[in-house]
């Protein structure tokens, strides 16, 4: 049996949209975005922002998944099933449905030949992605993330039962039961978070830092291409940012937590990613103080005052976290 989830849920109220189809990457001296360069996992970890999570507003339907986004006729679930089968997968030539294969789940080492026993896991779960930055993405970027087969670390074919145990937990609350895979999993987690410019909370960052300086010491990760960040929409005021720790935070004892209560967002998920909410004059509406992209963009608050996306306050003093915010122009 093959699961297909097609859902149309609520989407976020758009308050600002980037006019171009891609957000300009933060390029280093050699023209490579630092968190895409690979190398030492510990060094890549240091490039990731440490911030409080934003747990409200998540709905799975905000991430349109198991779609064919590269036009090859196969949806992302079937692509991963074909990719991860250790023998040549049997595929329906018309629908591209994978009907048989041989899979070894990296999380627990279990072997399967029936694709109905396999879940395709978002290594960084959709809700975890939402809480750590995807809340500000356009619907196109969320769809790209949910179906990303361009980097094999984003999606993995795993035992369905183990994937359900993992749920939306981060490494401070869950690690694969197969101990020999833990360091690989941690490296993949760091790579995905860095590539998609997602943040980590303090306990998550601390647990990973502890592993990378102990049992996973010396771990390296492969470089990645830039993630397809197809526009960023600021939708909610920001949480209070946390300064990236310079020393390893205290490790929190893993615990099972109850699911966060979600808040239904008010608009349709079918809203085009390039359609910002505007004032009657056609100018994009913004939330003063919210993070924004790109620097230099302009908008108008509900009060009617004009705002600019800037990394400094009105007197020219840079913000301590180095991020651009909407301030009065």
C-alpha atoms as a PDB file:
ATOM      1  CA  UNK A   1       0.000   0.000   0.000  1.00  0.00           C
ATOM      2  CA  UNK A   2       1.313   3.438  -0.836  1.00  0.00           C
ATOM      3  CA  UNK A   3       0.419   6.551   1.103  1.00  0.00           C
ATOM      4  CA  UNK A   4      -0.302   9.795  -0.635  1.00  0.00           C
ATOM      5  CA  UNK A   5      -1.113  12.953   1.287  1.00  0.00           C
ATOM      6  CA  UNK A   6      -2.796  15.756  -0.622  1.00  0.00           C
ATOM      7  CA  UNK A   7      -3.917  18.536   1.665  1.00  0.00           C
ATOM      8  CA  UNK A   8      -5.062  22.090   1.255  1.00  0.00           C
ATOM      9  CA  UNK A   9      -4.875  23.932   4.516  1.00  0.00           C
ATOM     10  CA  UNK A  10      -4.513  27.420   5.757  1.00  0.00           C
ATOM     11  CA  UNK A  11      -1.538  29.565   4.899  1.00  0.00           C
ATOM     12  CA  UNK A  12      -0.015  32.605   6.499  1.00  0.00           C
ATOM     13  CA  UNK A  13      -1.031  36.197   6.007  1.00  0.00           C
ATOM     14  CA  UNK A  14       1.657  37.656   3.784  1.00  0.00           C
ATOM     15  CA  UNK A  15       3.064  40.934   4.928  1.00  0.00           C
ATOM     16  CA  UNK A  16       6.122  41.380   2.724  1.00  0.00           C
ATOM     17  CA  UNK A  17       7.460  39.510  -0.282  1.00  0.00           C
ATOM     18  CA  UNK A  18      10.760  39.707  -2.114  1.00  0.00           C
ATOM     19  CA  UNK A  19      10.253  40.899  -5.645  1.00  0.00           C
ATOM     20  CA  UNK A  20      12.797  38.518  -7.201  1.00  0.00           C
ATOM     21  CA  UNK A  21      12.393  34.751  -7.283  1.00  0.00           C
ATOM     22  CA  UNK A  22      15.438  34.032  -5.144  1.00  0.00           C
ATOM     23  CA  UNK A  23      16.985  35.523  -2.053  1.00  0.00           C
ATOM     24  CA  UNK A  24      20.550  36.670  -2.611  1.00  0.00           C
ATOM     25  CA  UNK A  25      22.878  34.291  -0.771  1.00  0.00           C
ATOM     26  CA  UNK A  26      25.317  35.464   1.869  1.00  0.00           C
ATOM     27  CA  UNK A  27      28.554  34.891  -0.041  1.00  0.00           C
ATOM     28  CA  UNK A  28      31.980  34.672   1.523  1.00  0.00           C
ATOM     29  CA  UNK A  29      35.282  36.000   0.198  1.00  0.00           C
ATOM     30  CA  UNK A  30      35.541  33.203  -2.404  1.00  0.00           C
ATOM     31  CA  UNK A  31      31.945  33.513  -3.577  1.00  0.00           C
ATOM     32  CA  UNK A  32      30.731  30.504  -1.567  1.00  0.00           C
ATOM     33  CA  UNK A  33      28.042  30.826   1.082  1.00  0.00           C
ATOM     34  CA  UNK A  34      29.874  29.874   4.343  1.00  0.00           C
ATOM     35  CA  UNK A  35      27.266  27.384   5.551  1.00  0.00           C
ATOM     36  CA  UNK A  36      27.274  25.575   2.184  1.00  0.00           C
ATOM     37  CA  UNK A  37      31.042  25.097   2.069  1.00  0.00           C
ATOM     38  CA  UNK A  38      31.180  21.883   4.127  1.00  0.00           C
ATOM     39  CA  UNK A  39      34.235  20.748   6.046  1.00  0.00           C
ATOM     40  CA  UNK A  40      34.336  20.487   9.821  1.00  0.00           C
ATOM     41  CA  UNK A  41      30.852  19.844  11.199  1.00  0.00           C
ATOM     42  CA  UNK A  42      31.802  21.799  14.311  1.00  0.00           C
ATOM     43  CA  UNK A  43      32.844  24.794  12.191  1.00  0.00           C
ATOM     44  CA  UNK A  44      29.582  24.667  10.218  1.00  0.00           C
ATOM     45  CA  UNK A  45      27.664  24.462  13.504  1.00  0.00           C
ATOM     46  CA  UNK A  46      29.258  27.751  14.553  1.00  0.00           C
ATOM     47  CA  UNK A  47      27.633  29.497  11.549  1.00  0.00           C
ATOM     48  CA  UNK A  48      24.114  28.551  12.664  1.00  0.00           C
ATOM     49  CA  UNK A  49      22.038  31.101  14.588  1.00  0.00           C
ATOM     50  CA  UNK A  50      20.932  30.152  18.107  1.00  0.00           C
ATOM     51  CA  UNK A  51      17.440  31.499  18.783  1.00  0.00           C
ATOM     52  CA  UNK A  52      14.240  30.653  20.604  1.00  0.00           C
ATOM     53  CA  UNK A  53      11.907  28.564  18.466  1.00  0.00           C
ATOM     54  CA  UNK A  54       8.615  29.979  17.217  1.00  0.00           C
ATOM     55  CA  UNK A  55       6.175  27.129  17.964  1.00  0.00           C
ATOM     56  CA  UNK A  56       2.894  28.685  16.834  1.00  0.00           C
ATOM     57  CA  UNK A  57       1.063  28.486  13.516  1.00  0.00           C
ATOM     58  CA  UNK A  58       2.443  25.235  12.113  1.00  0.00           C
ATOM     59  CA  UNK A  59       0.230  23.081   9.901  1.00  0.00           C
ATOM     60  CA  UNK A  60       1.571  20.212   7.823  1.00  0.00           C
ATOM     61  CA  UNK A  61      -0.489  21.416   4.865  1.00  0.00           C
ATOM     62  CA  UNK A  62       1.719  24.535   4.729  1.00  0.00           C
ATOM     63  CA  UNK A  63       4.436  22.255   3.296  1.00  0.00           C
ATOM     64  CA  UNK A  64       3.045  20.795   0.072  1.00  0.00           C
ATOM     65  CA  UNK A  65       4.861  17.470  -0.069  1.00  0.00           C
ATOM     66  CA  UNK A  66       5.327  14.352  -2.201  1.00  0.00           C
ATOM     67  CA  UNK A  67       5.203  16.381  -5.388  1.00  0.00           C
ATOM     68  CA  UNK A  68       7.169  16.141  -8.629  1.00  0.00           C
ATOM     69  CA  UNK A  69       8.995  19.458  -8.549  1.00  0.00           C
ATOM     70  CA  UNK A  70      11.776  18.594 -10.997  1.00  0.00           C
ATOM     71  CA  UNK A  71       9.453  17.440 -13.791  1.00  0.00           C
ATOM     72  CA  UNK A  72      10.800  13.905 -14.179  1.00  0.00           C
ATOM     73  CA  UNK A  73       7.373  12.304 -13.725  1.00  0.00           C
ATOM     74  CA  UNK A  74       8.116  10.888 -10.259  1.00  0.00           C
ATOM     75  CA  UNK A  75       7.102  12.524  -6.994  1.00  0.00           C
ATOM     76  CA  UNK A  76       9.680  13.034  -4.260  1.00  0.00           C
ATOM     77  CA  UNK A  77       8.597   9.982  -2.251  1.00  0.00           C
ATOM     78  CA  UNK A  78       9.124   7.669  -5.223  1.00  0.00           C
ATOM     79  CA  UNK A  79      12.415   9.365  -6.054  1.00  0.00           C
ATOM     80  CA  UNK A  80      13.768   8.651  -2.563  1.00  0.00           C
ATOM     81  CA  UNK A  81      12.468   5.067  -2.645  1.00  0.00           C
ATOM     82  CA  UNK A  82      14.276   4.502  -5.949  1.00  0.00           C
ATOM     83  CA  UNK A  83      17.425   6.236  -4.745  1.00  0.00           C
ATOM     84  CA  UNK A  84      17.693   4.413  -1.418  1.00  0.00           C
ATOM     85  CA  UNK A  85      16.853   0.879  -2.596  1.00  0.00           C
ATOM     86  CA  UNK A  86      20.025  -1.251  -2.422  1.00  0.00           C
ATOM     87  CA  UNK A  87      18.784  -3.226  -5.452  1.00  0.00           C
ATOM     88  CA  UNK A  88      17.123  -1.895  -8.588  1.00  0.00           C
ATOM     89  CA  UNK A  89      13.631  -0.840  -7.512  1.00  0.00           C
ATOM     90  CA  UNK A  90      10.600  -2.112  -9.423  1.00  0.00           C
ATOM     91  CA  UNK A  91       8.730   0.904 -10.762  1.00  0.00           C
ATOM     92  CA  UNK A  92       5.396   1.229 -12.546  1.00  0.00           C
ATOM     93  CA  UNK A  93       6.448   2.760 -15.899  1.00  0.00           C
ATOM     94  CA  UNK A  94       3.246   4.786 -16.210  1.00  0.00           C
ATOM     95  CA  UNK A  95       2.648   6.194 -12.723  1.00  0.00           C
ATOM     96  CA  UNK A  96       6.266   5.949 -11.492  1.00  0.00           C
ATOM     97  CA  UNK A  97       4.970   4.246  -8.329  1.00  0.00           C
ATOM     98  CA  UNK A  98       7.692   2.162  -6.662  1.00  0.00           C
ATOM     99  CA  UNK A  99       6.129  -1.268  -6.057  1.00  0.00           C
ATOM    100  CA  UNK A 100       9.124  -3.218  -4.697  1.00  0.00           C
ATOM    101  CA  UNK A 101      12.766  -2.881  -3.767  1.00  0.00           C
ATOM    102  CA  UNK A 102      15.201  -3.604  -0.943  1.00  0.00           C
ATOM    103  CA  UNK A 103      15.756  -1.028   1.747  1.00  0.00           C
ATOM    104  CA  UNK A 104      17.908  -0.887   4.873  1.00  0.00           C
ATOM    105  CA  UNK A 105      16.732   1.774   7.297  1.00  0.00           C
ATOM    106  CA  UNK A 106      19.770   3.783   8.461  1.00  0.00           C
ATOM    107  CA  UNK A 107      18.030   4.618  11.757  1.00  0.00           C
ATOM    108  CA  UNK A 108      17.765   1.020  13.025  1.00  0.00           C
ATOM    109  CA  UNK A 109      19.283  -1.291  10.388  1.00  0.00           C
ATOM    110  CA  UNK A 110      15.948  -3.005   9.631  1.00  0.00           C
ATOM    111  CA  UNK A 111      15.484  -4.441   6.120  1.00  0.00           C
ATOM    112  CA  UNK A 112      12.334  -4.170   3.998  1.00  0.00           C
ATOM    113  CA  UNK A 113      11.146  -5.115   0.526  1.00  0.00           C
ATOM    114  CA  UNK A 114       7.631  -3.653   0.697  1.00  0.00           C
ATOM    115  CA  UNK A 115       7.551   0.152   0.218  1.00  0.00           C
ATOM    116  CA  UNK A 116       4.444   0.386   2.421  1.00  0.00           C
ATOM    117  CA  UNK A 117       6.717  -0.400   5.397  1.00  0.00           C
ATOM    118  CA  UNK A 118       8.866   2.618   4.594  1.00  0.00           C
ATOM    119  CA  UNK A 119       8.416   6.234   5.662  1.00  0.00           C
ATOM    120  CA  UNK A 120      10.230   9.027   3.890  1.00  0.00           C
ATOM    121  CA  UNK A 121      11.588  11.070   6.766  1.00  0.00           C
ATOM    122  CA  UNK A 122      12.325  14.771   6.636  1.00  0.00           C
ATOM    123  CA  UNK A 123      15.573  14.573   8.628  1.00  0.00           C
ATOM    124  CA  UNK A 124      14.788  18.010  10.022  1.00  0.00           C
ATOM    125  CA  UNK A 125      11.052  17.529  10.492  1.00  0.00           C
ATOM    126  CA  UNK A 126       8.617  19.950   8.874  1.00  0.00           C
ATOM    127  CA  UNK A 127       7.466  21.330  12.222  1.00  0.00           C
ATOM    128  CA  UNK A 128      11.060  21.686  13.421  1.00  0.00           C
ATOM    129  CA  UNK A 129      11.856  23.559  10.213  1.00  0.00           C
ATOM    130  CA  UNK A 130       8.811  25.793  10.740  1.00  0.00           C
ATOM    131  CA  UNK A 131       9.754  26.580  14.334  1.00  0.00           C
ATOM    132  CA  UNK A 132      13.329  27.433  13.388  1.00  0.00           C
ATOM    133  CA  UNK A 133      12.744  29.719  10.422  1.00  0.00           C
ATOM    134  CA  UNK A 134      10.419  28.243   7.790  1.00  0.00           C
ATOM    135  CA  UNK A 135       7.555  30.286   9.267  1.00  0.00           C
ATOM    136  CA  UNK A 136       9.063  33.197   7.303  1.00  0.00           C
ATOM    137  CA  UNK A 137       9.437  31.327   4.002  1.00  0.00           C
ATOM    138  CA  UNK A 138       7.270  31.696   0.950  1.00  0.00           C
ATOM    139  CA  UNK A 139       4.988  28.772   0.118  1.00  0.00           C
ATOM    140  CA  UNK A 140       7.263  28.004  -2.852  1.00  0.00           C
ATOM    141  CA  UNK A 141      10.285  27.635  -0.566  1.00  0.00           C
ATOM    142  CA  UNK A 142       8.350  25.414   1.845  1.00  0.00           C
ATOM    143  CA  UNK A 143       7.315  23.210  -1.087  1.00  0.00           C
ATOM    144  CA  UNK A 144      10.932  23.042  -2.278  1.00  0.00           C
ATOM    145  CA  UNK A 145      12.072  21.991   1.196  1.00  0.00           C
ATOM    146  CA  UNK A 146       9.349  19.365   1.617  1.00  0.00           C
ATOM    147  CA  UNK A 147      10.321  17.722  -1.699  1.00  0.00           C
ATOM    148  CA  UNK A 148      14.077  18.311  -1.728  1.00  0.00           C
ATOM    149  CA  UNK A 149      15.923  15.485  -3.469  1.00  0.00           C
ATOM    150  CA  UNK A 150      18.792  17.697  -4.637  1.00  0.00           C
ATOM    151  CA  UNK A 151      20.685  16.917  -1.412  1.00  0.00           C
ATOM    152  CA  UNK A 152      20.195  13.357  -0.140  1.00  0.00           C
ATOM    153  CA  UNK A 153      20.589  14.495   3.479  1.00  0.00           C
ATOM    154  CA  UNK A 154      17.186  16.214   3.510  1.00  0.00           C
ATOM    155  CA  UNK A 155      15.043  13.084   2.989  1.00  0.00           C
ATOM    156  CA  UNK A 156      15.674   9.455   4.001  1.00  0.00           C
ATOM    157  CA  UNK A 157      13.820   6.138   3.577  1.00  0.00           C
ATOM    158  CA  UNK A 158      13.438   4.719   7.107  1.00  0.00           C
ATOM    159  CA  UNK A 159      11.384   2.286   9.201  1.00  0.00           C
ATOM    160  CA  UNK A 160       7.900   3.757   9.624  1.00  0.00           C
ATOM    161  CA  UNK A 161       7.673   2.835  13.324  1.00  0.00           C
ATOM    162  CA  UNK A 162      11.020   4.468  14.134  1.00  0.00           C
ATOM    163  CA  UNK A 163      10.103   7.569  12.173  1.00  0.00           C
ATOM    164  CA  UNK A 164       6.915   7.876  14.204  1.00  0.00           C
ATOM    165  CA  UNK A 165       8.967   7.622  17.399  1.00  0.00           C
ATOM    166  CA  UNK A 166      11.212  10.401  16.162  1.00  0.00           C
ATOM    167  CA  UNK A 167       8.218  12.592  15.223  1.00  0.00           C
ATOM    168  CA  UNK A 168       9.347  16.249  15.190  1.00  0.00           C
ATOM    169  CA  UNK A 169      12.052  15.919  17.859  1.00  0.00           C
ATOM    170  CA  UNK A 170      15.485  17.491  17.485  1.00  0.00           C
ATOM    171  CA  UNK A 171      18.747  15.767  18.594  1.00  0.00           C
ATOM    172  CA  UNK A 172      18.362  17.010  22.169  1.00  0.00           C
ATOM    173  CA  UNK A 173      15.320  14.719  22.466  1.00  0.00           C
ATOM    174  CA  UNK A 174      15.923  11.934  19.939  1.00  0.00           C
ATOM    175  CA  UNK A 175      18.813  10.126  18.261  1.00  0.00           C
ATOM    176  CA  UNK A 176      18.713   7.037  16.007  1.00  0.00           C
ATOM    177  CA  UNK A 177      18.653   3.741  17.928  1.00  0.00           C
ATOM    178  CA  UNK A 178      21.462   2.426  15.694  1.00  0.00           C
ATOM    179  CA  UNK A 179      24.439   3.884  17.558  1.00  0.00           C
ATOM    180  CA  UNK A 180      26.821   3.523  14.613  1.00  0.00           C
ATOM    181  CA  UNK A 181      24.654   5.961  12.639  1.00  0.00           C
ATOM    182  CA  UNK A 182      24.407   8.707  15.256  1.00  0.00           C
ATOM    183  CA  UNK A 183      27.374  10.762  14.037  1.00  0.00           C
ATOM    184  CA  UNK A 184      26.209  10.552  10.422  1.00  0.00           C
ATOM    185  CA  UNK A 185      22.751  11.670  11.547  1.00  0.00           C
ATOM    186  CA  UNK A 186      24.210  14.611  13.470  1.00  0.00           C
ATOM    187  CA  UNK A 187      26.278  15.632  10.455  1.00  0.00           C
ATOM    188  CA  UNK A 188      23.205  15.461   8.214  1.00  0.00           C
ATOM    189  CA  UNK A 189      21.177  17.497  10.709  1.00  0.00           C
ATOM    190  CA  UNK A 190      23.811  20.245  10.810  1.00  0.00           C
ATOM    191  CA  UNK A 191      24.125  20.223   7.009  1.00  0.00           C
ATOM    192  CA  UNK A 192      20.367  20.594   6.474  1.00  0.00           C
ATOM    193  CA  UNK A 193      20.001  23.350   9.059  1.00  0.00           C
ATOM    194  CA  UNK A 194      22.947  25.256   7.604  1.00  0.00           C
ATOM    195  CA  UNK A 195      21.942  24.817   3.972  1.00  0.00           C
ATOM    196  CA  UNK A 196      18.401  26.070   4.571  1.00  0.00           C
ATOM    197  CA  UNK A 197      19.570  28.835   6.963  1.00  0.00           C
ATOM    198  CA  UNK A 198      17.489  27.470   9.837  1.00  0.00           C
ATOM    199  CA  UNK A 199      18.285  28.317  13.452  1.00  0.00           C
ATOM    200  CA  UNK A 200      18.770  26.059  16.482  1.00  0.00           C
ATOM    201  CA  UNK A 201      17.508  26.502  20.009  1.00  0.00           C
ATOM    202  CA  UNK A 202      19.980  26.488  22.893  1.00  0.00           C
ATOM    203  CA  UNK A 203      19.447  22.868  23.999  1.00  0.00           C
ATOM    204  CA  UNK A 204      19.621  21.574  20.416  1.00  0.00           C
ATOM    205  CA  UNK A 205      22.813  23.500  19.678  1.00  0.00           C
ATOM    206  CA  UNK A 206      24.351  22.420  22.966  1.00  0.00           C
ATOM    207  CA  UNK A 207      23.611  18.713  22.522  1.00  0.00           C
ATOM    208  CA  UNK A 208      25.082  18.750  19.029  1.00  0.00           C
ATOM    209  CA  UNK A 209      28.135  20.702  20.202  1.00  0.00           C
ATOM    210  CA  UNK A 210      28.722  18.139  22.952  1.00  0.00           C
ATOM    211  CA  UNK A 211      28.521  15.245  20.471  1.00  0.00           C
ATOM    212  CA  UNK A 212      30.837  16.971  17.992  1.00  0.00           C
ATOM    213  CA  UNK A 213      33.441  17.465  20.708  1.00  0.00           C
ATOM    214  CA  UNK A 214      33.162  13.939  22.147  1.00  0.00           C
ATOM    215  CA  UNK A 215      31.929  10.790  20.385  1.00  0.00           C
ATOM    216  CA  UNK A 216      31.678  12.530  16.981  1.00  0.00           C
ATOM    217  CA  UNK A 217      34.907  14.499  17.287  1.00  0.00           C
ATOM    218  CA  UNK A 218      36.501  15.337  13.932  1.00  0.00           C
ATOM    219  CA  UNK A 219      33.304  14.761  11.946  1.00  0.00           C
ATOM    220  CA  UNK A 220      33.287  16.412   8.526  1.00  0.00           C
ATOM    221  CA  UNK A 221      30.341  17.069   6.223  1.00  0.00           C
ATOM    222  CA  UNK A 222      30.222  17.414   2.463  1.00  0.00           C
ATOM    223  CA  UNK A 223      29.607  20.769   0.835  1.00  0.00           C
ATOM    224  CA  UNK A 224      26.136  21.467  -0.532  1.00  0.00           C
ATOM    225  CA  UNK A 225      24.576  23.610  -3.192  1.00  0.00           C
ATOM    226  CA  UNK A 226      22.598  26.655  -2.136  1.00  0.00           C
ATOM    227  CA  UNK A 227      19.070  25.757  -1.076  1.00  0.00           C
ATOM    228  CA  UNK A 228      16.320  27.107  -3.358  1.00  0.00           C
ATOM    229  CA  UNK A 229      15.133  29.889  -1.027  1.00  0.00           C
ATOM    230  CA  UNK A 230      12.513  31.251  -3.411  1.00  0.00           C
ATOM    231  CA  UNK A 231      11.497  34.399  -1.588  1.00  0.00           C
ATOM    232  CA  UNK A 232      11.061  35.121   2.100  1.00  0.00           C
ATOM    233  CA  UNK A 233       7.889  36.482   3.639  1.00  0.00           C
ATOM    234  CA  UNK A 234       7.951  38.071   7.063  1.00  0.00           C
ATOM    235  CA  UNK A 235       4.662  37.216   8.769  1.00  0.00           C
ATOM    236  CA  UNK A 236       5.040  37.582  12.531  1.00  0.00           C
ATOM    237  CA  UNK A 237       7.006  39.747  14.976  1.00  0.00           C
ATOM    238  CA  UNK A 238      10.320  38.072  15.905  1.00  0.00           C
ATOM    239  CA  UNK A 239      11.105  36.170  19.057  1.00  0.00           C
ATOM    240  CA  UNK A 240      13.928  37.469  21.246  1.00  0.00           C
ATOM    241  CA  UNK A 241      17.194  36.369  19.590  1.00  0.00           C
ATOM    242  CA  UNK A 242      19.762  34.472  21.622  1.00  0.00           C
ATOM    243  CA  UNK A 243      23.477  35.109  21.220  1.00  0.00           C
ATOM    244  CA  UNK A 244      25.308  32.067  19.855  1.00  0.00           C
ATOM    245  CA  UNK A 245      27.073  30.412  22.807  1.00  0.00           C
ATOM    246  CA  UNK A 246      30.857  30.624  22.931  1.00  0.00           C
ATOM    247  CA  UNK A 247      30.990  27.712  25.343  1.00  0.00           C
ATOM    248  CA  UNK A 248      29.089  24.475  25.285  1.00  0.00           C
ATOM    249  CA  UNK A 249      25.641  24.943  26.889  1.00  0.00           C
ATOM    250  CA  UNK A 250      24.469  22.562  29.563  1.00  0.00           C
ATOM    251  CA  UNK A 251      23.091  19.418  27.955  1.00  0.00           C
ATOM    252  CA  UNK A 252      19.403  18.893  28.601  1.00  0.00           C
ATOM    253  CA  UNK A 253      18.271  15.405  29.466  1.00  0.00           C
ATOM    254  CA  UNK A 254      16.225  14.117  26.506  1.00  0.00           C
ATOM    255  CA  UNK A 255      12.535  14.008  27.275  1.00  0.00           C
ATOM    256  CA  UNK A 256       9.382  13.255  25.365  1.00  0.00           C
ATOM    257  CA  UNK A 257       7.272  16.355  25.058  1.00  0.00           C
ATOM    258  CA  UNK A 258       3.654  16.686  24.110  1.00  0.00           C
ATOM    259  CA  UNK A 259       2.878  18.209  20.695  1.00  0.00           C
ATOM    260  CA  UNK A 260       2.619  21.980  20.543  1.00  0.00           C
ATOM    261  CA  UNK A 261      -0.827  23.458  20.101  1.00  0.00           C
ATOM    262  CA  UNK A 262      -1.069  24.865  16.606  1.00  0.00           C
ATOM    263  CA  UNK A 263      -2.772  28.066  15.580  1.00  0.00           C
ATOM    264  CA  UNK A 264      -4.746  28.050  12.354  1.00  0.00           C
ATOM    265  CA  UNK A 265      -3.449  30.711  10.008  1.00  0.00           C
ATOM    266  CA  UNK A 266      -6.080  32.835   8.343  1.00  0.00           C
ATOM    267  CA  UNK A 267      -5.409  32.670   4.592  1.00  0.00           C
ATOM    268  CA  UNK A 268      -5.395  29.980   1.890  1.00  0.00           C
ATOM    269  CA  UNK A 269      -2.321  27.841   1.184  1.00  0.00           C
ATOM    270  CA  UNK A 270      -2.961  28.389  -2.508  1.00  0.00           C
ATOM    271  CA  UNK A 271      -1.939  32.052  -2.263  1.00  0.00           C
ATOM    272  CA  UNK A 272       0.885  32.591  -4.845  1.00  0.00           C
ATOM    273  CA  UNK A 273       4.326  33.048  -3.300  1.00  0.00           C
ATOM    274  CA  UNK A 274       4.833  36.262  -5.243  1.00  0.00           C
ATOM    275  CA  UNK A 275       1.621  37.956  -4.087  1.00  0.00           C
ATOM    276  CA  UNK A 276       2.325  40.181  -1.058  1.00  0.00           C
ATOM    277  CA  UNK A 277      -0.386  41.700   1.078  1.00  0.00           C
ATOM    278  CA  UNK A 278      -0.534  45.365   0.224  1.00  0.00           C
ATOM    279  CA  UNK A 279      -2.066  48.584   1.358  1.00  0.00           C
ATOM    280  CA  UNK A 280      -4.702  50.199  -0.875  1.00  0.00           C
ATOM    281  CA  UNK A 281      -1.870  52.102  -2.560  1.00  0.00           C
ATOM    282  CA  UNK A 282      -0.165  48.843  -3.546  1.00  0.00           C
ATOM    283  CA  UNK A 283       2.741  49.188  -1.091  1.00  0.00           C
ATOM    284  CA  UNK A 284       3.709  46.100   0.936  1.00  0.00           C
ATOM    285  CA  UNK A 285       2.592  46.107   4.577  1.00  0.00           C
ATOM    286  CA  UNK A 286       5.255  45.363   7.224  1.00  0.00           C
ATOM    287  CA  UNK A 287       5.553  44.695  10.957  1.00  0.00           C
ATOM    288  CA  UNK A 288       7.915  47.206  12.616  1.00  0.00           C
ATOM    289  CA  UNK A 289      10.851  45.422  14.277  1.00  0.00           C
ATOM    290  CA  UNK A 290      10.359  42.122  12.417  1.00  0.00           C
ATOM    291  CA  UNK A 291      13.311  40.533  10.631  1.00  0.00           C
ATOM    292  CA  UNK A 292      13.346  41.134   6.897  1.00  0.00           C
ATOM    293  CA  UNK A 293      15.032  40.450   3.554  1.00  0.00           C
ATOM    294  CA  UNK A 294      16.479  41.878   1.396  1.00  0.00           C
ATOM    295  CA  UNK A 295      18.301  44.770   3.063  1.00  0.00           C
ATOM    296  CA  UNK A 296      17.100  48.022   1.542  1.00  0.00           C
ATOM    297  CA  UNK A 297      13.526  46.869   0.888  1.00  0.00           C
ATOM    298  CA  UNK A 298      10.791  49.338   1.837  1.00  0.00           C
ATOM    299  CA  UNK A 299       7.249  48.988   3.110  1.00  0.00           C
ATOM    300  CA  UNK A 300       4.485  50.641   5.088  1.00  0.00           C
ATOM    301  CA  UNK A 301       3.178  49.687   8.547  1.00  0.00           C
ATOM    302  CA  UNK A 302      -0.503  49.598   9.469  1.00  0.00           C
ATOM    303  CA  UNK A 303      -0.019  53.061  10.977  1.00  0.00           C
ATOM    304  CA  UNK A 304       0.801  54.413   7.514  1.00  0.00           C
ATOM    305  CA  UNK A 305       4.440  55.165   8.384  1.00  0.00           C
ATOM    306  CA  UNK A 306       7.198  54.165   5.963  1.00  0.00           C
ATOM    307  CA  UNK A 307       9.779  51.540   6.975  1.00  0.00           C
ATOM    308  CA  UNK A 308      13.047  50.262   5.525  1.00  0.00           C
ATOM    309  CA  UNK A 309      14.764  46.874   5.914  1.00  0.00           C
ATOM    310  CA  UNK A 310      18.107  47.696   7.560  1.00  0.00           C
ATOM    311  CA  UNK A 311      20.841  46.203   9.741  1.00  0.00           C
ATOM    312  CA  UNK A 312      21.266  49.464  11.677  1.00  0.00           C
ATOM    313  CA  UNK A 313      18.929  51.596  13.732  1.00  0.00           C
ATOM    314  CA  UNK A 314      17.927  55.095  12.703  1.00  0.00           C
ATOM    315  CA  UNK A 315      21.135  56.539  14.192  1.00  0.00           C
ATOM    316  CA  UNK A 316      23.322  54.142  12.206  1.00  0.00           C
ATOM    317  CA  UNK A 317      24.222  51.764  15.065  1.00  0.00           C
ATOM    318  CA  UNK A 318      24.323  48.105  13.867  1.00  0.00           C
ATOM    319  CA  UNK A 319      21.915  45.683  15.561  1.00  0.00           C
ATOM    320  CA  UNK A 320      23.723  43.305  17.911  1.00  0.00           C
ATOM    321  CA  UNK A 321      22.524  40.142  16.139  1.00  0.00           C
ATOM    322  CA  UNK A 322      23.637  41.383  12.708  1.00  0.00           C
ATOM    323  CA  UNK A 323      20.216  40.790  11.147  1.00  0.00           C
ATOM    324  CA  UNK A 324      18.115  43.234   9.159  1.00  0.00           C
ATOM    325  CA  UNK A 325      14.884  44.535  10.714  1.00  0.00           C
ATOM    326  CA  UNK A 326      12.060  46.824   9.648  1.00  0.00           C
ATOM    327  CA  UNK A 327      12.752  50.250  11.087  1.00  0.00           C
ATOM    328  CA  UNK A 328      11.175  53.590  10.352  1.00  0.00           C
ATOM    329  CA  UNK A 329      12.776  55.145   7.315  1.00  0.00           C
END
